[in-house]
C-alpha atoms as a PDB file:
ATOM      1  CA  MET A   1       0.034   0.264   0.234  1.00  0.00           C
ATOM      2  CA  LEU A   2       1.382   3.332  -0.643  1.00  0.00           C
ATOM      3  CA  ASN A   3       0.272   6.583   1.608  1.00  0.00           C
ATOM      4  CA  LEU A   4      -0.832   9.386  -0.819  1.00  0.00           C
ATOM      5  CA  THR A   5      -1.466  13.138  -0.120  1.00  0.00           C
ATOM      6  CA  ARG A   6      -5.408  14.152  -0.701  1.00  0.00           C
ATOM      7  CA  LEU A   7      -5.784  17.029  -3.359  1.00  0.00           C
ATOM      8  CA  GLY A   8      -7.569  19.640  -2.389  1.00  0.00           C
ATOM      9  CA  ARG A   9     -11.317  18.031  -3.223  1.00  0.00           C
ATOM     10  CA  GLY A  10      -9.911  15.073  -1.562  1.00  0.00           C
ATOM     11  CA  GLU A  11      -9.204  12.885  -3.996  1.00  0.00           C
ATOM     12  CA  PRO A  12      -5.960  10.902  -3.929  1.00  0.00           C
ATOM     13  CA  GLY A  13      -2.935  12.899  -5.045  1.00  0.00           C
ATOM     14  CA  ILE A  14      -2.797  11.868  -8.658  1.00  0.00           C
ATOM     15  CA  PHE A  15      -3.237  14.857 -11.069  1.00  0.00           C
ATOM     16  CA  CYS A  16      -1.834  16.321 -14.466  1.00  0.00           C
ATOM     17  CA  SER A  17       0.037  19.349 -14.603  1.00  0.00           C
ATOM     18  CA  ILE A  18       3.066  20.768 -15.548  1.00  0.00           C
ATOM     19  CA  GLN A  19       6.983  20.417 -13.828  1.00  0.00           C
ATOM     20  CA  GLY A  20       7.016  23.934 -12.236  1.00  0.00           C
ATOM     21  CA  GLU A  21      10.755  23.710 -11.445  1.00  0.00           C
ATOM     22  CA  GLY A  22      14.108  22.385 -11.714  1.00  0.00           C
ATOM     23  CA  VAL A  23      15.713  20.911 -15.642  1.00  0.00           C
ATOM     24  CA  ASN A  24      12.523  19.649 -16.826  1.00  0.00           C
ATOM     25  CA  SER A  25      10.395  22.760 -16.184  1.00  0.00           C
ATOM     26  CA  GLY A  26       7.456  23.415 -18.349  1.00  0.00           C
ATOM     27  CA  ILE A  27       7.046  19.806 -19.318  1.00  0.00           C
ATOM     28  CA  THR A  28       3.317  18.430 -19.048  1.00  0.00           C
ATOM     29  CA  ALA A  29       3.543  15.364 -16.624  1.00  0.00           C
ATOM     30  CA  VAL A  30       1.560  13.348 -14.633  1.00  0.00           C
ATOM     31  CA  PHE A  31       1.843  13.769 -10.830  1.00  0.00           C
ATOM     32  CA  LEU A  32       2.162  11.476  -7.759  1.00  0.00           C
ATOM     33  CA  ARG A  33       2.107  13.309  -4.582  1.00  0.00           C
ATOM     34  CA  LEU A  34       3.431  10.922  -1.605  1.00  0.00           C
ATOM     35  CA  ALA A  35       2.800  11.274   2.252  1.00  0.00           C
ATOM     36  CA  PHE A  36       5.432  11.961   4.872  1.00  0.00           C
ATOM     37  CA  CYS A  37       8.744  13.480   5.154  1.00  0.00           C
ATOM     38  CA  ASN A  38      11.531  12.931   7.647  1.00  0.00           C
ATOM     39  CA  LEU A  39      12.656  16.887   7.220  1.00  0.00           C
ATOM     40  CA  LYS A  40      10.381  19.747   8.706  1.00  0.00           C
ATOM     41  CA  CYS A  41      10.858  23.099   6.202  1.00  0.00           C
ATOM     42  CA  SER A  42       9.927  26.033   7.761  1.00  0.00           C
ATOM     43  CA  TRP A  43       9.021  27.209   4.088  1.00  0.00           C
ATOM     44  CA  CYS A  44       7.480  24.152   3.452  1.00  0.00           C
ATOM     45  CA  ASP A  45       4.397  24.712   1.112  1.00  0.00           C
ATOM     46  CA  THR A  46       3.163  20.706   1.717  1.00  0.00           C
ATOM     47  CA  LYS A  47       2.935  20.795   5.145  1.00  0.00           C
ATOM     48  CA  TYR A  48      -0.422  19.031   4.940  1.00  0.00           C
ATOM     49  CA  SER A  49       1.819  15.786   4.073  1.00  0.00           C
ATOM     50  CA  TRP A  50       3.831  15.545   7.092  1.00  0.00           C
ATOM     51  CA  ASP A  51       2.851  17.996   9.568  1.00  0.00           C
ATOM     52  CA  TRP A  52       0.096  16.552  11.926  1.00  0.00           C
ATOM     53  CA  GLN A  53       0.272  19.309  14.770  1.00  0.00           C
ATOM     54  CA  HIS A  54      -1.237  21.230  12.024  1.00  0.00           C
ATOM     55  CA  TYR A  55      -3.028  18.745   9.943  1.00  0.00           C
ATOM     56  CA  ASP A  56      -5.114  15.939  10.616  1.00  0.00           C
ATOM     57  CA  GLN A  57      -3.537  12.515   9.312  1.00  0.00           C
ATOM     58  CA  ARG A  58      -6.738  11.009   8.716  1.00  0.00           C
ATOM     59  CA  LYS A  59      -8.028  13.710   6.470  1.00  0.00           C
ATOM     60  CA  GLU A  60      -5.009  14.378   4.489  1.00  0.00           C
ATOM     61  CA  VAL A  61      -3.554  10.937   3.938  1.00  0.00           C
ATOM     62  CA  VAL A  62      -5.192   8.022   1.687  1.00  0.00           C
ATOM     63  CA  MET A  63      -3.627   4.838   1.302  1.00  0.00           C
ATOM     64  CA  LEU A  64      -3.935   2.665  -2.457  1.00  0.00           C
ATOM     65  CA  THR A  65      -2.899  -0.494  -3.686  1.00  0.00           C
ATOM     66  CA  SER A  66      -0.168  -0.214  -6.254  1.00  0.00           C
ATOM     67  CA  ARG A  67      -2.588  -1.806  -8.817  1.00  0.00           C
ATOM     68  CA  GLU A  68      -5.228   1.233  -7.938  1.00  0.00           C
ATOM     69  CA  THR A  69      -2.640   3.497  -7.886  1.00  0.00           C
ATOM     70  CA  ILE A  70      -1.160   2.346 -11.245  1.00  0.00           C
ATOM     71  CA  LYS A  71      -4.925   2.269 -13.070  1.00  0.00           C
ATOM     72  CA  ARG A  72      -5.494   5.753 -11.773  1.00  0.00           C
ATOM     73  CA  LEU A  73      -2.425   7.075 -13.366  1.00  0.00           C
ATOM     74  CA  GLN A  74      -3.288   5.010 -16.582  1.00  0.00           C
ATOM     75  CA  ALA A  75      -6.681   7.138 -16.492  1.00  0.00           C
ATOM     76  CA  LEU A  76      -4.522  10.326 -17.265  1.00  0.00           C
ATOM     77  CA  SER A  77      -3.100  11.120 -20.417  1.00  0.00           C
ATOM     78  CA  GLY A  78       1.114  11.289 -21.205  1.00  0.00           C
ATOM     79  CA  ARG A  79       3.777   8.908 -19.595  1.00  0.00           C
ATOM     80  CA  HIS A  80       5.560  11.346 -18.053  1.00  0.00           C
ATOM     81  CA  LEU A  81       5.374  10.634 -14.295  1.00  0.00           C
ATOM     82  CA  VAL A  82       6.576  13.094 -11.409  1.00  0.00           C
ATOM     83  CA  VAL A  83       7.057  11.262  -7.689  1.00  0.00           C
ATOM     84  CA  THR A  84       7.015  13.850  -5.415  1.00  0.00           C
ATOM     85  CA  GLY A  85       5.982  14.333  -1.646  1.00  0.00           C
ATOM     86  CA  GLY A  86       6.515  14.891   1.248  1.00  0.00           C
ATOM     87  CA  GLU A  87       9.791  12.635   0.848  1.00  0.00           C
ATOM     88  CA  PRO A  88       9.135   9.598  -1.703  1.00  0.00           C
ATOM     89  CA  LEU A  89      12.167   7.497  -0.694  1.00  0.00           C
ATOM     90  CA  ILE A  90      10.566   6.900   2.552  1.00  0.00           C
ATOM     91  CA  GLN A  91       8.125   4.775   0.751  1.00  0.00           C
ATOM     92  CA  GLN A  92      10.637   3.088  -1.787  1.00  0.00           C
ATOM     93  CA  LYS A  93       9.818  -0.418  -0.850  1.00  0.00           C
ATOM     94  CA  VAL A  94       6.281  -0.153  -2.242  1.00  0.00           C
ATOM     95  CA  LEU A  95       7.386   2.643  -4.626  1.00  0.00           C
ATOM     96  CA  SER A  96       9.942   0.428  -6.304  1.00  0.00           C
ATOM     97  CA  GLY A  97       7.455  -2.526  -7.657  1.00  0.00           C
ATOM     98  CA  LEU A  98       5.128   0.067  -8.704  1.00  0.00           C
ATOM     99  CA  LEU A  99       7.540   2.477 -10.776  1.00  0.00           C
ATOM    100  CA  SER A 100       9.089  -0.888 -12.188  1.00  0.00           C
ATOM    101  CA  SER A 101       5.906  -1.933 -13.672  1.00  0.00           C
ATOM    102  CA  LEU A 102       5.031   1.550 -15.142  1.00  0.00           C
ATOM    103  CA  LYS A 103       8.720   1.530 -17.043  1.00  0.00           C
ATOM    104  CA  ARG A 104       7.457  -1.588 -18.503  1.00  0.00           C
ATOM    105  CA  GLN A 105       4.700   0.299 -19.400  1.00  0.00           C
ATOM    106  CA  GLY A 106       6.832   2.855 -20.973  1.00  0.00           C
ATOM    107  CA  TYR A 107       6.547   5.913 -18.529  1.00  0.00           C
ATOM    108  CA  TYR A 108       9.619   8.339 -17.731  1.00  0.00           C
ATOM    109  CA  VAL A 109       9.891   8.861 -14.217  1.00  0.00           C
ATOM    110  CA  GLU A 110      11.507  11.532 -12.224  1.00  0.00           C
ATOM    111  CA  VAL A 111      11.535  11.180  -8.492  1.00  0.00           C
ATOM    112  CA  GLU A 112      11.919  14.120  -6.409  1.00  0.00           C
ATOM    113  CA  THR A 113      13.912  13.672  -3.221  1.00  0.00           C
ATOM    114  CA  ASN A 114      15.495  15.863  -0.317  1.00  0.00           C
ATOM    115  CA  GLY A 115      18.583  13.617  -0.758  1.00  0.00           C
ATOM    116  CA  THR A 116      18.963  12.319   2.628  1.00  0.00           C
ATOM    117  CA  ILE A 117      17.794   8.572   2.284  1.00  0.00           C
ATOM    118  CA  VAL A 118      19.742   6.221  -0.149  1.00  0.00           C
ATOM    119  CA  PRO A 119      17.973   4.805  -2.593  1.00  0.00           C
ATOM    120  CA  ALA A 120      17.486   0.827  -3.182  1.00  0.00           C
ATOM    121  CA  ASN A 121      18.988  -0.640  -6.604  1.00  0.00           C
ATOM    122  CA  ASP A 122      15.738  -1.702  -7.730  1.00  0.00           C
ATOM    123  CA  LEU A 123      14.407   1.617  -7.372  1.00  0.00           C
ATOM    124  CA  VAL A 124      17.399   3.139  -8.990  1.00  0.00           C
ATOM    125  CA  SER A 125      17.064   1.008 -12.091  1.00  0.00           C
ATOM    126  CA  SER A 126      13.460   2.543 -12.990  1.00  0.00           C
ATOM    127  CA  VAL A 127      14.232   6.230 -12.285  1.00  0.00           C
ATOM    128  CA  ASP A 128      15.127   8.458 -15.476  1.00  0.00           C
ATOM    129  CA  GLN A 129      15.539  11.684 -13.102  1.00  0.00           C
ATOM    130  CA  TRP A 130      16.576  12.220  -9.458  1.00  0.00           C
ATOM    131  CA  ASN A 131      15.547  15.525  -8.622  1.00  0.00           C
ATOM    132  CA  VAL A 132      17.495  15.795  -5.560  1.00  0.00           C
ATOM    133  CA  SER A 133      16.780  19.090  -3.272  1.00  0.00           C
ATOM    134  CA  PRO A 134      18.987  19.087  -0.266  1.00  0.00           C
ATOM    135  CA  LYS A 135      18.468  21.379   2.275  1.00  0.00           C
ATOM    136  CA  LEU A 136      19.930  24.395   3.612  1.00  0.00           C
ATOM    137  CA  GLY A 137      20.606  25.750   7.093  1.00  0.00           C
ATOM    138  CA  SER A 138      17.801  28.273   6.437  1.00  0.00           C
ATOM    139  CA  SER A 139      15.186  25.681   6.191  1.00  0.00           C
ATOM    140  CA  GLY A 140      15.239  25.005   9.889  1.00  0.00           C
ATOM    141  CA  ASN A 141      16.589  21.442   9.807  1.00  0.00           C
ATOM    142  CA  PRO A 142      19.572  20.518  11.844  1.00  0.00           C
ATOM    143  CA  GLN A 143      22.503  19.816   9.225  1.00  0.00           C
ATOM    144  CA  SER A 144      22.545  16.186  10.744  1.00  0.00           C
ATOM    145  CA  ALA A 145      18.979  15.773   9.404  1.00  0.00           C
ATOM    146  CA  ARG A 146      19.141  17.135   6.427  1.00  0.00           C
ATOM    147  CA  GLU A 147      23.272  16.442   4.803  1.00  0.00           C
ATOM    148  CA  VAL A 148      23.303  12.532   4.769  1.00  0.00           C
ATOM    149  CA  PRO A 149      26.904  11.881   3.198  1.00  0.00           C
ATOM    150  CA  GLU A 150      26.253   8.197   2.485  1.00  0.00           C
ATOM    151  CA  ALA A 151      23.249   9.432   0.630  1.00  0.00           C
ATOM    152  CA  TYR A 152      24.400  12.706  -0.844  1.00  0.00           C
ATOM    153  CA  ASN A 153      27.649  10.572  -2.176  1.00  0.00           C
ATOM    154  CA  VAL A 154      25.179   7.847  -3.894  1.00  0.00           C
ATOM    155  CA  PHE A 155      23.317  10.730  -5.874  1.00  0.00           C
ATOM    156  CA  MET A 156      26.224  12.625  -6.405  1.00  0.00           C
ATOM    157  CA  HIS A 157      27.716   9.425  -8.710  1.00  0.00           C
ATOM    158  CA  LEU A 158      24.210   8.734 -10.194  1.00  0.00           C
ATOM    159  CA  SER A 159      24.129  10.853 -13.465  1.00  0.00           C
ATOM    160  CA  SER A 160      20.901  11.004 -13.253  1.00  0.00           C
ATOM    161  CA  SER A 161      20.739  13.363 -10.510  1.00  0.00           C
ATOM    162  CA  SER A 162      20.561  17.078 -10.401  1.00  0.00           C
ATOM    163  CA  PHE A 163      21.425  19.107  -7.213  1.00  0.00           C
ATOM    164  CA  LYS A 164      18.515  21.967  -6.661  1.00  0.00           C
ATOM    165  CA  TYR A 165      19.149  24.273  -3.807  1.00  0.00           C
ATOM    166  CA  VAL A 166      16.350  26.483  -2.767  1.00  0.00           C
ATOM    167  CA  ILE A 167      17.565  30.105  -1.784  1.00  0.00           C
ATOM    168  CA  GLN A 168      16.146  32.649   0.658  1.00  0.00           C
ATOM    169  CA  THR A 169      19.239  35.148   1.166  1.00  0.00           C
ATOM    170  CA  GLU A 170      22.479  35.611  -0.384  1.00  0.00           C
ATOM    171  CA  SER A 171      24.071  33.822   2.400  1.00  0.00           C
ATOM    172  CA  ASP A 172      22.395  30.622   1.287  1.00  0.00           C
ATOM    173  CA  LEU A 173      25.325  30.971  -1.462  1.00  0.00           C
ATOM    174  CA  ASN A 174      27.917  30.691   0.367  1.00  0.00           C
ATOM    175  CA  GLU A 175      26.577  27.022   1.991  1.00  0.00           C
ATOM    176  CA  VAL A 176      25.635  25.762  -1.323  1.00  0.00           C
ATOM    177  CA  GLN A 177      29.323  26.626  -2.667  1.00  0.00           C
ATOM    178  CA  ARG A 178      30.596  24.500   0.457  1.00  0.00           C
ATOM    179  CA  LEU A 179      28.343  21.798  -0.592  1.00  0.00           C
ATOM    180  CA  VAL A 180      29.215  21.833  -4.051  1.00  0.00           C
ATOM    181  CA  ASP A 181      33.088  21.614  -3.081  1.00  0.00           C
ATOM    182  CA  ARG A 182      32.655  19.300  -0.517  1.00  0.00           C
ATOM    183  CA  TYR A 183      30.906  16.302  -2.681  1.00  0.00           C
ATOM    184  CA  ARG A 184      32.629  17.708  -5.960  1.00  0.00           C
ATOM    185  CA  ILE A 185      29.387  18.202  -8.039  1.00  0.00           C
ATOM    186  CA  ASP A 186      29.554  19.584 -11.025  1.00  0.00           C
ATOM    187  CA  GLU A 187      28.395  23.023 -11.974  1.00  0.00           C
ATOM    188  CA  ASN A 188      26.022  21.810 -15.087  1.00  0.00           C
ATOM    189  CA  ARG A 189      24.005  19.829 -12.139  1.00  0.00           C
ATOM    190  CA  ILE A 190      23.608  22.640  -9.890  1.00  0.00           C
ATOM    191  CA  VAL A 191      20.212  24.196 -10.215  1.00  0.00           C
ATOM    192  CA  LEU A 192      19.188  27.090  -7.481  1.00  0.00           C
ATOM    193  CA  MET A 193      15.549  28.452  -7.324  1.00  0.00           C
ATOM    194  CA  PRO A 194      14.228  31.142  -5.148  1.00  0.00           C
ATOM    195  CA  GLU A 195      12.142  30.430  -2.178  1.00  0.00           C
ATOM    196  CA  ALA A 196       8.899  31.731  -2.509  1.00  0.00           C
ATOM    197  CA  SER A 197       5.552  31.289  -1.656  1.00  0.00           C
ATOM    198  CA  ASP A 198       3.630  34.569  -3.555  1.00  0.00           C
ATOM    199  CA  ARG A 199       5.046  35.876  -7.147  1.00  0.00           C
ATOM    200  CA  GLU A 200       6.304  39.239  -6.426  1.00  0.00           C
ATOM    201  CA  THR A 201       9.213  37.554  -3.496  1.00  0.00           C
ATOM    202  CA  LEU A 202       9.688  35.213  -6.089  1.00  0.00           C
ATOM    203  CA  LEU A 203      10.641  37.840  -8.926  1.00  0.00           C
ATOM    204  CA  GLN A 204      12.348  39.918  -6.577  1.00  0.00           C
ATOM    205  CA  ARG A 205      14.398  37.094  -5.243  1.00  0.00           C
ATOM    206  CA  GLY A 206      14.626  35.904  -8.984  1.00  0.00           C
ATOM    207  CA  ARG A 207      16.227  38.954 -10.389  1.00  0.00           C
ATOM    208  CA  TRP A 208      19.254  39.008  -8.166  1.00  0.00           C
ATOM    209  CA  LEU A 209      19.635  34.944  -7.866  1.00  0.00           C
ATOM    210  CA  VAL A 210      19.997  34.722 -11.509  1.00  0.00           C
ATOM    211  CA  GLU A 211      23.046  37.343 -11.247  1.00  0.00           C
ATOM    212  CA  ALA A 212      24.759  34.674  -8.746  1.00  0.00           C
ATOM    213  CA  CYS A 213      23.835  31.497 -11.204  1.00  0.00           C
ATOM    214  CA  LYS A 214      25.067  33.682 -14.219  1.00  0.00           C
ATOM    215  CA  ASP A 215      28.493  34.201 -12.296  1.00  0.00           C
ATOM    216  CA  LYS A 216      28.780  29.952 -11.464  1.00  0.00           C
ATOM    217  CA  GLY A 217      27.570  28.730 -14.404  1.00  0.00           C
ATOM    218  CA  TYR A 218      24.172  27.300 -12.429  1.00  0.00           C
ATOM    219  CA  ARG A 219      21.344  26.918 -13.730  1.00  0.00           C
ATOM    220  CA  PHE A 220      18.244  28.760 -12.445  1.00  0.00           C
ATOM    221  CA  SER A 221      14.978  27.593 -11.907  1.00  0.00           C
ATOM    222  CA  THR A 222      11.835  29.625 -11.115  1.00  0.00           C
ATOM    223  CA  ARG A 223       8.476  27.901  -9.544  1.00  0.00           C
ATOM    224  CA  LEU A 224       6.129  27.800 -12.536  1.00  0.00           C
ATOM    225  CA  GLN A 225       3.327  26.813 -10.430  1.00  0.00           C
ATOM    226  CA  ILE A 226       3.791  30.413  -7.929  1.00  0.00           C
ATOM    227  CA  LEU A 227       3.724  32.432 -10.923  1.00  0.00           C
ATOM    228  CA  LEU A 228       0.836  31.042 -12.751  1.00  0.00           C
ATOM    229  CA  TRP A 229      -1.497  29.670  -9.892  1.00  0.00           C
ATOM    230  CA  GLY A 230      -0.115  31.322  -7.292  1.00  0.00           C
ATOM    231  CA  ASN A 231       0.338  29.697  -3.338  1.00  0.00           C
ATOM    232  CA  ARG A 232      -2.972  27.614  -4.073  1.00  0.00           C
ATOM    233  CA  ARG A 233      -3.078  24.279  -3.180  1.00  0.00           C
ATOM    234  CA  GLY A 234      -3.428  21.194  -6.097  1.00  0.00           C
ATOM    235  CA  LYS A 235      -6.885  20.413  -7.580  1.00  0.00           C
END
């Protein structure tokens, strides 16, 4: 069984939209939003997937079998899948079988992860793109929780991984550089994205962050979902 978050209307978190962030930004995709996370980011915009002090887990989480999940995904057009959360790798044992089945059906699979859990080999073989988003100190998570060297090194050695860092202030850039140097990550795999839940903040932070990307040779990502729909929960 998989634990999924519910959409705004109460349905399981399976929907069609565009990828709003990262290296595949703008691509039409089918999304699978899973519940639970091992981190607690202060600025997280999907706290309903893990923050049970402020949300009712019984109302926010629904369990589906792999068969039912596949059936719902197949009902949507498109074979580009984005698995997001929460933190999907918390459920990687069940997810491995699900994604293996979908790959045989011709799906392209992206998995979004915070990079703190080592993926199993059978899961790795079913994933085309890892969108690794390691957290910085500004997320509010202690370093021991947000930076797991073993996991960092595994993802660094997977050529299918990109590393997306959420930036609040210019001081965050210093931490990014220390991590890039520590794990020897190629500059063409680094993505910087402004932290923002409204259009004005996104544009304001994006303007100076673009200059930092130009200086370092990093990729810049905005958040298309904020530009288009604001901080609105999914359908």
